Amino acid sequence: MRLVICGGGTAGHVYPALALLDGWPAPRPDVTWIGTPSGMERRIVQNAGLPFVGVRSGAIRGQRPDRLVRSAGQLAVGLVQALRALRGLAPHVVLTTGGYVSVPVAAAAWLLRIPVVVFLPDIRPGIAVRAQRPLATRIACAFDAAAEHLASDRTVVTGYPLRQGFFTGDRGTARKAFGADGEPLLVLYGGSQGARSLNRAVSDGLEQLLERCRFVHVSGQLDHDEIRARRDRLPAPLRDRYQVHAFLGDRLIDAFLAADLCVARAGASVLAELPAAGVPAVVVPGVFSDQRANAEWLVDRGAAVMVDDDAVPTDLVPQVCALLDDPQRRDEMARASRAAANPHAATHLRRLLRDVVS
């Protein structure tokens, strides 16, 4: 099978597809990735050893009229580039995983009569997925609740593919790696782009948190130097309980496995990763995103509590402290989180791709 995968903009549009490939039984497909030329996906994909082709794209949502014109021009250029790339690669199927770059690639595949499988990782489809819906041979949803937003006989619920480490890793080993033996471990993960409001809120309440737990803070690059400086000003006993990382890469799997509580944006990846690790969470949906439905999905299952973004400065640290002080409630949330996991998602999505090709 010759497979083209297209997705970009955030790591949440990249890692599900890499997880799909991670355990693919032989013979593995011949894969090429198409993404934005300077997007973060390029580094992740090339580090995974996959060939990468850059295609231009432009954002639509939230843009001023003058920028919309520019974005439309970028999309038109991207369509031409995608047509050229797909003619050369001649894939049997194209899998898109999200981001604006997936729109010109899906359109090019449709024009060339190449089957397109659109993967929706979130609960509610964004503009890019909605634009691809009429072009799709099949739409793969990560969750049952997502299928309700895509009424179509072409929609299949597959689950959200995860890297093997979520299922093969050991919690005890992971906790030792993060120095969490016998103490609660809090992990804050703002997503691949970081989350400034979360970073600032926990920085203001740092002493309250560190009196209760060890803390692994994945800040993103933007605020990393400021957060490191804040750590350096702490008294030595508290400083030793606080780890700051711009990114964790694959070590994020161990951080989730080790965690007793996670604070996170409500990106699509946390809907699968937190349940796979059985981690209770405080989730903060992003303002300019479709994350609120994601957060509500976890809350409705008893696996998380939600804090609105505008309430983060006043409510986030008290909510986290309340859960750190209530191990029984955390245990109940952890059981609810595990019940929402789907360990067979990658197998289901591989089967769907094979069915489309055959």
Protein backbone atom coordinates (compact mmCIF):
# COMPACT_ATOMS: atom_id res chain seq x y z
CA MET A 1 0.00 0.00 0.00
CA ARG A 2 1.20 3.50 -0.86
CA LEU A 3 -0.20 5.81 1.81
CA VAL A 4 -0.07 9.60 2.00
CA ILE A 5 -0.80 11.10 5.41
CA CYS A 6 -1.61 14.78 5.71
CA GLY A 7 -1.98 16.79 8.89
CA GLY A 8 -0.36 19.63 10.75
CA GLY A 9 -0.54 22.70 12.90
CA THR A 10 -0.40 20.91 16.26
CA ALA A 11 1.11 17.68 17.53
CA GLY A 12 -2.43 16.39 18.04
CA HIS A 13 -2.73 16.17 14.25
CA VAL A 14 0.52 14.21 13.97
CA TYR A 15 0.81 11.69 16.78
CA PRO A 16 -2.37 9.67 16.02
CA ALA A 17 -1.01 8.88 12.56
CA LEU A 18 2.44 8.04 13.90
CA ALA A 19 0.75 5.75 16.42
CA LEU A 20 -1.16 4.14 13.56
CA LEU A 21 2.15 3.31 11.89
CA ASP A 22 3.92 2.33 15.11
CA GLY A 23 2.45 -1.15 15.39
CA TRP A 24 1.48 -1.78 11.77
CA PRO A 25 2.16 -5.46 11.03
CA ALA A 26 4.24 -6.37 8.00
CA PRO A 27 4.03 -5.46 5.26
CA ARG A 28 3.99 -1.84 6.42
CA PRO A 29 2.78 0.70 3.84
CA ASP A 30 5.05 3.01 1.90
CA VAL A 31 4.27 6.32 3.64
CA THR A 32 4.84 9.96 2.69
CA TRP A 33 3.70 12.83 4.88
CA ILE A 34 2.35 16.10 3.50
CA GLY A 35 2.27 19.11 5.81
CA THR A 36 2.98 22.82 5.96
CA PRO A 37 6.56 23.66 4.88
CA SER A 38 7.55 25.33 8.16
CA GLY A 39 5.06 23.70 10.54
CA MET A 40 6.04 21.83 13.68
CA GLU A 41 4.87 18.62 12.02
CA ARG A 42 7.89 18.69 9.71
CA ARG A 43 10.36 18.18 12.56
CA ILE A 44 8.27 15.49 14.26
CA VAL A 45 7.68 13.55 11.05
CA GLN A 46 11.28 13.71 9.83
CA ASN A 47 12.54 12.64 13.26
CA ALA A 48 10.26 9.60 12.84
CA GLY A 49 12.11 8.79 9.61
CA LEU A 50 9.29 9.57 7.18
CA PRO A 51 9.66 11.51 3.92
CA PHE A 52 8.00 14.91 4.08
CA VAL A 53 6.48 17.13 1.38
CA GLY A 54 5.56 20.74 2.13
CA VAL A 55 2.30 22.25 0.85
CA ARG A 56 1.07 25.76 1.56
CA SER A 57 -2.15 26.49 3.37
CA GLY A 58 -3.95 29.31 5.13
CA ALA A 59 -6.16 29.68 8.20
CA ILE A 60 -9.80 30.66 7.75
CA ARG A 61 -11.40 30.95 11.19
CA GLY A 62 -10.96 34.24 13.03
CA GLN A 63 -9.19 36.00 10.17
CA ARG A 64 -9.73 39.62 9.09
CA PRO A 65 -11.06 40.13 5.54
CA ASP A 66 -7.63 41.12 4.20
CA ARG A 67 -6.06 38.01 5.72
CA LEU A 68 -8.88 35.86 4.38
CA VAL A 69 -7.92 36.94 0.86
CA ARG A 70 -4.31 35.99 1.57
CA SER A 71 -5.38 32.64 3.04
CA ALA A 72 -7.52 31.90 -0.02
CA GLY A 73 -4.50 32.56 -2.20
CA GLN A 74 -2.35 30.25 -0.06
CA LEU A 75 -4.98 27.52 -0.31
CA ALA A 76 -5.04 27.86 -4.10
CA VAL A 77 -1.25 27.56 -4.24
CA GLY A 78 -1.47 24.58 -1.90
CA LEU A 79 -3.98 22.87 -4.18
CA VAL A 80 -1.59 23.15 -7.13
CA GLN A 81 1.30 21.87 -5.00
CA ALA A 82 -0.81 18.99 -3.67
CA LEU A 83 -1.89 17.98 -7.19
CA ARG A 84 1.74 17.87 -8.27
CA ALA A 85 2.79 15.88 -5.20
CA LEU A 86 -0.02 13.32 -5.42
CA ARG A 87 0.52 12.75 -9.14
CA GLY A 88 4.14 11.90 -8.39
CA LEU A 89 3.45 9.75 -5.34
CA ALA A 90 0.41 7.95 -6.80
CA PRO A 91 -0.91 6.79 -3.40
CA HIS A 92 -3.60 4.16 -3.05
CA VAL A 93 -5.25 6.23 -0.29
CA VAL A 94 -4.83 9.58 1.46
CA LEU A 95 -5.40 9.87 5.22
CA THR A 96 -5.94 13.39 6.58
CA THR A 97 -5.69 14.00 10.32
CA GLY A 98 -6.55 17.68 10.65
CA GLY A 99 -5.27 21.20 10.21
CA TYR A 100 -5.87 23.60 7.33
CA VAL A 101 -3.18 21.95 5.21
CA SER A 102 -5.42 18.89 4.91
CA VAL A 103 -8.01 20.82 2.87
CA PRO A 104 -6.01 21.38 -0.37
CA VAL A 105 -4.59 17.86 -0.13
CA ALA A 106 -8.03 16.27 0.23
CA ALA A 107 -9.32 18.40 -2.66
CA ALA A 108 -6.39 17.35 -4.85
CA ALA A 109 -6.96 13.67 -4.00
CA TRP A 110 -10.66 14.00 -4.85
CA LEU A 111 -9.84 15.60 -8.20
CA LEU A 112 -7.40 12.76 -8.94
CA ARG A 113 -9.94 10.11 -7.86
CA ILE A 114 -7.73 8.93 -5.02
CA PRO A 115 -9.71 7.66 -1.99
CA VAL A 116 -9.64 9.99 1.02
CA VAL A 117 -10.10 8.93 4.64
CA VAL A 118 -10.66 11.91 6.93
CA PHE A 119 -9.84 11.30 10.60
CA LEU A 120 -11.69 13.45 13.15
CA PRO A 121 -9.82 13.36 16.49
CA ASP A 122 -12.11 15.83 18.30
CA ILE A 123 -15.72 15.53 19.39
CA ARG A 124 -16.92 18.40 17.21
CA PRO A 125 -15.55 18.86 13.67
CA GLY A 126 -13.75 22.09 12.90
CA ILE A 127 -13.79 24.04 9.66
CA ALA A 128 -11.12 21.89 8.00
CA VAL A 129 -12.97 18.62 8.62
CA ARG A 130 -16.31 20.11 7.58
CA ALA A 131 -14.72 21.34 4.34
CA GLN A 132 -13.46 17.82 3.60
CA ARG A 133 -16.71 16.01 4.38
CA PRO A 134 -18.03 16.04 0.77
CA LEU A 135 -14.61 14.92 -0.49
CA ALA A 136 -14.22 11.96 1.85
CA THR A 137 -14.55 8.32 0.88
CA ARG A 138 -14.81 7.53 4.61
CA ILE A 139 -14.76 9.65 7.77
CA ALA A 140 -13.13 8.01 10.78
CA CYS A 141 -14.26 9.39 14.15
CA ALA A 142 -12.31 8.89 17.33
CA PHE A 143 -15.44 8.87 19.50
CA ASP A 144 -19.10 7.89 19.27
CA ALA A 145 -20.15 11.41 20.23
CA ALA A 146 -18.33 12.80 17.19
CA ALA A 147 -20.38 10.73 14.76
CA GLU A 148 -23.48 12.67 15.78
CA HIS A 149 -21.95 15.80 14.22
CA LEU A 150 -21.19 14.04 10.94
CA ALA A 151 -24.45 12.40 9.93
CA SER A 152 -23.28 10.24 7.04
CA ASP A 153 -23.30 6.59 6.04
CA ARG A 154 -19.59 7.06 5.32
CA THR A 155 -18.76 7.68 8.99
CA VAL A 156 -17.02 4.96 11.03
CA VAL A 157 -16.02 5.14 14.71
CA THR A 158 -12.47 3.79 15.01
CA GLY A 159 -11.11 5.32 18.20
CA TYR A 160 -8.00 7.46 18.60
CA PRO A 161 -4.72 5.63 17.85
CA LEU A 162 -2.12 5.94 20.60
CA ARG A 163 1.59 5.20 20.79
CA GLN A 164 2.39 1.74 22.13
CA GLY A 165 4.06 3.13 25.24
CA PHE A 166 0.66 3.99 26.72
CA PHE A 167 -0.18 0.28 26.80
CA THR A 168 3.26 -1.24 27.45
CA GLY A 169 4.63 1.30 29.96
CA ASP A 170 4.78 0.61 33.70
CA ARG A 171 3.40 3.14 36.19
CA GLY A 172 5.83 2.19 38.95
CA THR A 173 8.85 2.60 36.70
CA ALA A 174 7.50 5.89 35.37
CA ARG A 175 6.94 7.25 38.89
CA LYS A 176 10.51 6.43 39.89
CA ALA A 177 11.77 8.22 36.78
CA PHE A 178 10.00 11.40 37.92
CA GLY A 179 10.92 11.02 41.61
CA ALA A 180 7.31 10.53 42.71
CA ASP A 181 7.58 7.56 45.04
CA GLY A 182 5.02 7.92 47.82
CA GLU A 183 3.86 11.42 46.86
CA PRO A 184 1.17 12.75 44.53
CA LEU A 185 2.49 13.83 41.14
CA LEU A 186 0.87 16.70 39.26
CA VAL A 187 1.51 17.10 35.52
CA LEU A 188 0.60 20.26 33.62
CA TYR A 189 0.57 19.91 29.84
CA GLY A 190 -0.60 22.90 27.85
CA GLY A 191 -0.31 21.17 24.49
CA SER A 192 2.36 21.36 21.83
CA GLN A 193 2.01 25.15 21.62
CA GLY A 194 2.00 25.69 25.39
CA ALA A 195 -0.73 27.54 27.26
CA ARG A 196 0.19 30.92 28.68
CA SER A 197 -2.86 31.39 30.95
CA LEU A 198 -2.24 27.99 32.59
CA ASN A 199 1.46 28.70 33.00
CA ARG A 200 0.85 32.04 34.69
CA ALA A 201 -1.88 30.77 36.99
CA VAL A 202 0.21 27.92 38.40
CA SER A 203 3.24 30.19 38.64
CA ASP A 204 1.23 32.54 40.88
CA GLY A 205 0.06 29.63 43.06
CA LEU A 206 3.22 27.57 42.95
CA GLU A 207 3.91 27.35 46.67
CA GLN A 208 0.36 26.09 47.38
CA LEU A 209 0.83 23.32 44.82
CA LEU A 210 4.34 22.28 45.83
CA GLU A 211 3.30 21.93 49.47
CA ARG A 212 0.93 19.18 48.30
CA CYS A 213 2.75 17.36 45.49
CA ARG A 214 5.63 16.98 43.13
CA PHE A 215 5.03 18.91 39.94
CA VAL A 216 6.09 18.22 36.33
CA HIS A 217 5.36 21.37 34.31
CA VAL A 218 5.46 21.10 30.50
CA SER A 219 5.30 24.80 29.66
CA GLY A 220 5.92 24.95 25.91
CA GLN A 221 8.79 27.03 24.53
CA LEU A 222 7.16 30.46 24.72
CA ASP A 223 7.11 30.74 28.53
CA HIS A 224 9.91 28.34 29.35
CA ASP A 225 12.59 30.87 30.34
CA GLU A 226 10.15 32.80 32.55
CA ILE A 227 8.97 29.61 34.27
CA ARG A 228 12.55 28.43 34.80
CA ALA A 229 13.42 31.76 36.41
CA ARG A 230 10.41 31.39 38.72
CA ARG A 231 11.63 27.94 39.72
CA ASP A 232 15.11 29.25 40.47
CA ARG A 233 13.65 31.76 42.97
CA LEU A 234 11.97 29.04 45.04
CA PRO A 235 13.40 27.84 48.36
CA ALA A 236 15.55 24.75 47.80
CA PRO A 237 13.10 22.22 49.32
CA LEU A 238 10.31 23.38 46.97
CA ARG A 239 12.61 23.79 43.99
CA ASP A 240 13.57 20.12 44.22
CA ARG A 241 9.88 19.16 43.90
CA TYR A 242 9.39 21.11 40.68
CA GLN A 243 10.48 20.03 37.19
CA VAL A 244 10.12 22.41 34.26
CA HIS A 245 10.31 21.27 30.63
CA ALA A 246 9.59 23.11 27.39
CA PHE A 247 8.68 19.77 25.80
CA LEU A 248 8.86 16.14 26.87
CA GLY A 249 8.51 14.32 23.55
CA ASP A 250 7.96 10.61 24.11
CA ARG A 251 8.69 11.06 27.83
CA LEU A 252 5.24 12.62 28.07
CA ILE A 253 3.88 9.07 27.99
CA ASP A 254 5.75 8.24 31.19
CA ALA A 255 4.65 11.54 32.74
CA PHE A 256 1.00 10.65 32.15
CA LEU A 257 1.51 7.09 33.41
CA ALA A 258 3.16 8.45 36.56
CA ALA A 259 0.66 11.25 37.22
CA ASP A 260 -1.96 11.34 39.97
CA LEU A 261 -3.56 14.44 38.42
CA CYS A 262 -3.14 16.28 35.14
CA VAL A 263 -3.93 19.87 34.14
CA ALA A 264 -4.35 20.19 30.40
CA ARG A 265 -5.96 22.01 27.54
CA ALA A 266 -8.80 19.98 26.05
CA GLY A 267 -7.11 19.10 22.78
CA ALA A 268 -8.13 15.89 21.09
CA SER A 269 -5.09 13.94 22.26
CA VAL A 270 -6.01 14.20 25.95
CA LEU A 271 -9.36 12.49 25.24
CA ALA A 272 -7.41 9.32 24.48
CA GLU A 273 -4.11 9.73 26.33
CA LEU A 274 -5.53 10.51 29.77
CA PRO A 275 -7.96 7.55 29.72
CA ALA A 276 -5.21 5.22 28.45
CA ALA A 277 -3.10 6.23 31.44
CA GLY A 278 -6.09 6.37 33.81
CA VAL A 279 -5.37 9.94 34.91
CA PRO A 280 -7.97 12.27 36.46
CA ALA A 281 -7.75 15.77 35.06
CA VAL A 282 -8.58 19.43 35.28
CA VAL A 283 -9.24 20.49 31.68
CA VAL A 284 -9.31 24.04 30.32
CA PRO A 285 -10.82 24.35 26.84
CA GLY A 286 -9.13 26.84 24.55
CA VAL A 287 -11.05 29.97 23.58
CA PHE A 288 -10.41 29.89 19.82
CA SER A 289 -10.99 26.20 19.30
CA ASP A 290 -13.50 23.35 19.35
CA GLN A 291 -12.18 22.13 22.70
CA ARG A 292 -15.23 22.80 24.86
CA ALA A 293 -17.03 19.74 23.51
CA ASN A 294 -13.88 17.71 24.23
CA ALA A 295 -13.77 18.94 27.82
CA GLU A 296 -17.48 18.23 28.34
CA TRP A 297 -16.98 14.67 27.05
CA LEU A 298 -14.44 13.95 29.81
CA VAL A 299 -16.50 15.76 32.46
CA ASP A 300 -19.68 13.86 31.53
CA ARG A 301 -17.82 10.59 32.11
CA GLY A 302 -16.60 11.66 35.53
CA ALA A 303 -12.97 11.68 34.42
CA ALA A 304 -12.32 15.42 34.70
CA VAL A 305 -13.46 18.76 36.02
CA MET A 306 -13.54 21.80 33.74
CA VAL A 307 -12.31 25.33 34.33
CA ASP A 308 -13.23 27.98 31.77
CA ASP A 309 -10.31 29.93 30.36
CA ASP A 310 -11.50 33.27 31.75
CA ALA A 311 -11.72 31.71 35.23
CA VAL A 312 -8.20 30.27 35.16
CA PRO A 313 -6.52 33.08 37.18
CA THR A 314 -8.92 32.66 40.12
CA ASP A 315 -10.18 29.07 39.91
CA LEU A 316 -7.48 26.81 38.49
CA VAL A 317 -5.15 26.49 41.48
CA PRO A 318 -8.01 26.10 44.04
CA GLN A 319 -9.57 23.34 41.89
CA VAL A 320 -6.22 21.55 41.62
CA CYS A 321 -5.54 21.88 45.34
CA ALA A 322 -9.00 20.53 46.18
CA LEU A 323 -8.35 17.41 44.11
CA LEU A 324 -4.85 16.96 45.51
CA ASP A 325 -6.42 17.04 48.97
CA ASP A 326 -9.06 14.44 48.04
CA PRO A 327 -7.43 11.12 47.05
CA GLN A 328 -10.77 9.26 47.15
CA ARG A 329 -12.26 11.54 44.51
CA ARG A 330 -9.12 11.21 42.38
CA ASP A 331 -9.41 7.43 42.57
CA GLU A 332 -13.03 7.59 41.40
CA MET A 333 -12.07 9.88 38.53
CA ALA A 334 -9.17 7.61 37.58
CA ARG A 335 -11.50 4.60 37.33
CA ALA A 336 -13.91 6.63 35.18
CA SER A 337 -11.03 7.73 32.98
CA ARG A 338 -9.82 4.15 32.40
CA ALA A 339 -13.34 3.10 31.46
CA ALA A 340 -13.25 5.58 28.55
CA ALA A 341 -10.07 4.12 27.00
CA ASN A 342 -10.02 2.37 23.61
CA PRO A 343 -6.83 0.32 23.18
CA HIS A 344 -7.83 -1.08 19.76
CA ALA A 345 -8.20 2.18 17.82
CA ALA A 346 -5.10 1.76 15.67
CA THR A 347 -6.22 -1.70 14.56
CA HIS A 348 -9.66 -0.36 13.60
CA LEU A 349 -8.22 2.52 11.56
CA ARG A 350 -5.74 0.26 9.75
CA ARG A 351 -8.59 -2.07 8.82
CA LEU A 352 -10.61 0.87 7.48
CA LEU A 353 -7.71 2.02 5.28
CA ARG A 354 -7.25 -1.50 3.90
CA ASP A 355 -10.98 -1.78 3.18
CA VAL A 356 -10.97 1.51 1.28
CA VAL A 357 -8.03 0.42 -0.85
CA SER A 358 -9.50 -2.99 -1.61
